[in-house]
C-alpha atoms as a PDB file:
ATOM      1  CA  MET A   1       0.379   0.308  -0.160  1.00  0.00           C
ATOM      2  CA  PRO A   2       1.657   3.664  -0.718  1.00  0.00           C
ATOM      3  CA  ALA A   3       2.574   5.731   2.658  1.00  0.00           C
ATOM      4  CA  GLY A   4       0.940   7.661   3.680  1.00  0.00           C
ATOM      5  CA  ARG A   5      -2.564   5.472   3.018  1.00  0.00           C
ATOM      6  CA  CYS A   6      -4.071   3.242   5.279  1.00  0.00           C
ATOM      7  CA  CYS A   7      -7.189   0.769   4.197  1.00  0.00           C
ATOM      8  CA  GLY A   8      -7.734   2.457   1.037  1.00  0.00           C
ATOM      9  CA  ILE A   9      -7.992   6.082   2.559  1.00  0.00           C
ATOM     10  CA  PHE A  10      -5.729   8.509   4.125  1.00  0.00           C
ATOM     11  CA  ASP A  11      -4.264   8.818   7.039  1.00  0.00           C
ATOM     12  CA  ARG A  12      -3.952  12.236   8.614  1.00  0.00           C
ATOM     13  CA  PRO A  13       0.152  12.278   7.361  1.00  0.00           C
ATOM     14  CA  GLY A  14      -0.969  11.634   4.341  1.00  0.00           C
ATOM     15  CA  LEU A  15      -3.517  13.424   3.987  1.00  0.00           C
ATOM     16  CA  ASP A  16      -1.617  16.767   5.254  1.00  0.00           C
ATOM     17  CA  ALA A  17       0.906  15.729   2.469  1.00  0.00           C
ATOM     18  CA  LEU A  18      -1.674  15.535  -0.637  1.00  0.00           C
ATOM     19  CA  LEU A  19      -3.216  19.063   0.491  1.00  0.00           C
ATOM     20  CA  GLY A  20      -0.029  20.555   1.730  1.00  0.00           C
ATOM     21  CA  GLY A  21      -0.110  23.767  -0.799  1.00  0.00           C
ATOM     22  CA  VAL A  22      -3.119  23.849  -1.326  1.00  0.00           C
ATOM     23  CA  ASN A  23      -4.909  27.147  -1.179  1.00  0.00           C
ATOM     24  CA  PHE A  24      -8.302  27.163   0.605  1.00  0.00           C
ATOM     25  CA  VAL A  25      -9.447  30.810  -0.160  1.00  0.00           C
ATOM     26  CA  GLY A  26     -12.712  31.045  -1.483  1.00  0.00           C
ATOM     27  CA  ILE A  27     -13.581  27.053  -1.867  1.00  0.00           C
ATOM     28  CA  GLY A  28     -17.429  25.474  -1.175  1.00  0.00           C
ATOM     29  CA  GLY A  29     -19.963  26.980   0.095  1.00  0.00           C
ATOM     30  CA  PRO A  30     -20.465  27.831   3.789  1.00  0.00           C
ATOM     31  CA  GLY A  31     -19.969  24.590   5.532  1.00  0.00           C
ATOM     32  CA  ALA A  32     -16.940  23.539   3.544  1.00  0.00           C
ATOM     33  CA  ALA A  33     -12.662  22.874   5.397  1.00  0.00           C
ATOM     34  CA  HIS A  34     -10.817  25.777   4.853  1.00  0.00           C
ATOM     35  CA  THR A  35      -7.873  23.924   5.986  1.00  0.00           C
ATOM     36  CA  THR A  36      -6.104  20.147   6.271  1.00  0.00           C
ATOM     37  CA  ALA A  37      -7.117  19.943   9.810  1.00  0.00           C
ATOM     38  CA  GLU A  38     -10.693  20.831   9.030  1.00  0.00           C
ATOM     39  CA  VAL A  39     -10.709  17.679   5.892  1.00  0.00           C
ATOM     40  CA  TRP A  40      -9.245  15.387   8.308  1.00  0.00           C
ATOM     41  CA  GLU A  41     -12.619  16.059  11.342  1.00  0.00           C
ATOM     42  CA  LEU A  42     -14.990  16.030   7.905  1.00  0.00           C
ATOM     43  CA  MET A  43     -13.096  12.902   6.694  1.00  0.00           C
ATOM     44  CA  GLU A  44     -13.476  11.005  10.611  1.00  0.00           C
ATOM     45  CA  ARG A  45     -16.562  12.455  10.796  1.00  0.00           C
ATOM     46  CA  ASP A  46     -18.237  10.595   8.134  1.00  0.00           C
ATOM     47  CA  ARG A  47     -16.564   7.748   8.571  1.00  0.00           C
ATOM     48  CA  ALA A  48     -18.002   7.243  11.729  1.00  0.00           C
ATOM     49  CA  ALA A  49     -21.635   7.656  10.142  1.00  0.00           C
ATOM     50  CA  GLY A  50     -19.951   5.544   7.147  1.00  0.00           C
ATOM     51  CA  TYR A  51     -21.850   8.147   4.560  1.00  0.00           C
ATOM     52  CA  VAL A  52     -20.606  11.270   3.310  1.00  0.00           C
ATOM     53  CA  ALA A  53     -23.154  14.458   4.374  1.00  0.00           C
ATOM     54  CA  ALA A  54     -21.818  17.359   2.943  1.00  0.00           C
ATOM     55  CA  ASP A  55     -24.257  19.724   4.598  1.00  0.00           C
ATOM     56  CA  GLN A  56     -23.338  22.895   2.597  1.00  0.00           C
ATOM     57  CA  GLU A  57     -20.040  22.094   1.724  1.00  0.00           C
ATOM     58  CA  PHE A  58     -20.276  22.946  -1.667  1.00  0.00           C
ATOM     59  CA  GLU A  59     -23.113  25.334  -2.092  1.00  0.00           C
ATOM     60  CA  HIS A  60     -25.644  27.440   0.199  1.00  0.00           C
ATOM     61  CA  GLU A  61     -28.403  25.177   1.621  1.00  0.00           C
ATOM     62  CA  VAL A  62     -27.514  22.011  -0.607  1.00  0.00           C
ATOM     63  CA  VAL A  63     -27.065  18.543   1.445  1.00  0.00           C
ATOM     64  CA  GLU A  64     -25.455  16.252  -0.928  1.00  0.00           C
ATOM     65  CA  LEU A  65     -25.057  12.568   1.092  1.00  0.00           C
ATOM     66  CA  ALA A  66     -23.128  10.177  -0.669  1.00  0.00           C
ATOM     67  CA  VAL A  67     -21.934   5.615  -0.298  1.00  0.00           C
ATOM     68  CA  PRO A  68     -19.434   4.164  -1.669  1.00  0.00           C
ATOM     69  CA  VAL A  69     -19.967   0.586  -3.499  1.00  0.00           C
ATOM     70  CA  ARG A  70     -17.673  -1.786  -2.829  1.00  0.00           C
ATOM     71  CA  ALA A  71     -16.624  -4.862  -4.643  1.00  0.00           C
ATOM     72  CA  ALA A  72     -16.756  -8.361  -2.373  1.00  0.00           C
ATOM     73  CA  GLY A  73     -12.821  -7.611  -2.307  1.00  0.00           C
ATOM     74  CA  GLY A  74     -13.586  -4.179   0.024  1.00  0.00           C
ATOM     75  CA  GLY A  75     -12.267  -1.657  -2.994  1.00  0.00           C
ATOM     76  CA  ILE A  76     -14.710   0.702  -4.110  1.00  0.00           C
ATOM     77  CA  THR A  77     -15.706   0.841  -7.107  1.00  0.00           C
ATOM     78  CA  ALA A  78     -18.226   3.315  -7.111  1.00  0.00           C
ATOM     79  CA  SER A  79     -20.902   5.830  -5.400  1.00  0.00           C
ATOM     80  CA  LEU A  80     -23.890   6.351  -4.835  1.00  0.00           C
ATOM     81  CA  SER A  81     -25.654  10.120  -4.286  1.00  0.00           C
ATOM     82  CA  VAL A  82     -27.932  12.352  -3.436  1.00  0.00           C
ATOM     83  CA  LEU A  83     -28.643  15.930  -3.308  1.00  0.00           C
ATOM     84  CA  GLY A  84     -30.592  18.158  -1.973  1.00  0.00           C
ATOM     85  CA  SER A  85     -31.910  21.472  -0.340  1.00  0.00           C
ATOM     86  CA  ARG A  86     -31.357  21.274   3.373  1.00  0.00           C
ATOM     87  CA  ALA A  87     -35.391  21.712   3.939  1.00  0.00           C
ATOM     88  CA  GLU A  88     -35.944  18.309   1.535  1.00  0.00           C
ATOM     89  CA  LEU A  89     -33.625  16.522   3.559  1.00  0.00           C
ATOM     90  CA  GLY A  90     -32.707  18.401   6.534  1.00  0.00           C
ATOM     91  CA  SER A  91     -33.521  15.225   9.740  1.00  0.00           C
ATOM     92  CA  GLY A  92     -34.373  12.500   6.564  1.00  0.00           C
ATOM     93  CA  ALA A  93     -30.530  12.808   5.893  1.00  0.00           C
ATOM     94  CA  ALA A  94     -29.509   9.816   8.112  1.00  0.00           C
ATOM     95  CA  THR A  95     -32.850   7.781   6.547  1.00  0.00           C
ATOM     96  CA  ALA A  96     -31.811   8.653   3.235  1.00  0.00           C
ATOM     97  CA  ALA A  97     -28.407   7.390   3.751  1.00  0.00           C
ATOM     98  CA  SER A  98     -30.231   4.127   4.813  1.00  0.00           C
ATOM     99  CA  ALA A  99     -31.830   3.722   1.399  1.00  0.00           C
ATOM    100  CA  LEU A 100     -28.209   4.883  -0.287  1.00  0.00           C
ATOM    101  CA  ARG A 101     -26.263   2.364   1.443  1.00  0.00           C
ATOM    102  CA  ALA A 102     -28.569  -0.120   0.335  1.00  0.00           C
ATOM    103  CA  ALA A 103     -28.973   0.381  -3.318  1.00  0.00           C
ATOM    104  CA  ALA A 104     -25.138   1.055  -2.443  1.00  0.00           C
ATOM    105  CA  GLU A 105     -25.040  -2.952  -0.864  1.00  0.00           C
ATOM    106  CA  ARG A 106     -26.719  -4.516  -3.837  1.00  0.00           C
ATOM    107  CA  LEU A 107     -25.078  -2.480  -6.280  1.00  0.00           C
ATOM    108  CA  GLY A 108     -21.750  -4.194  -4.933  1.00  0.00           C
ATOM    109  CA  ALA A 109     -23.229  -7.988  -4.827  1.00  0.00           C
ATOM    110  CA  SER A 110     -23.442  -7.670  -8.752  1.00  0.00           C
ATOM    111  CA  PRO A 111     -21.482 -10.097 -10.241  1.00  0.00           C
ATOM    112  CA  ALA A 112     -20.910  -7.374 -12.516  1.00  0.00           C
ATOM    113  CA  VAL A 113     -19.193  -5.476  -9.869  1.00  0.00           C
ATOM    114  CA  GLY A 114     -15.595  -6.202  -9.257  1.00  0.00           C
END
């Protein structure tokens, strides 16, 4: 596995190396990370939840939910996502993420994946 990566994802030193020269000024919406430390915090939050919940990270009042589609070996082959307004997804984000996860599991089990 390449240095700076663990289990197919970046570890903190690898993320620092990858984003070390990034100028975060003007990137994303009000929920966007503006430092490498903030990117790490969002990654850890989403890893614990099992899905990405990008609340206003890309655009004002827009929420995007995403889950990985994994092949039998565990590698990520695709992702599924849905986006909508904060008012539309709001408190239903966990339910929508659960539906996305179920669909991703079905796709991952398909003989065409992998």
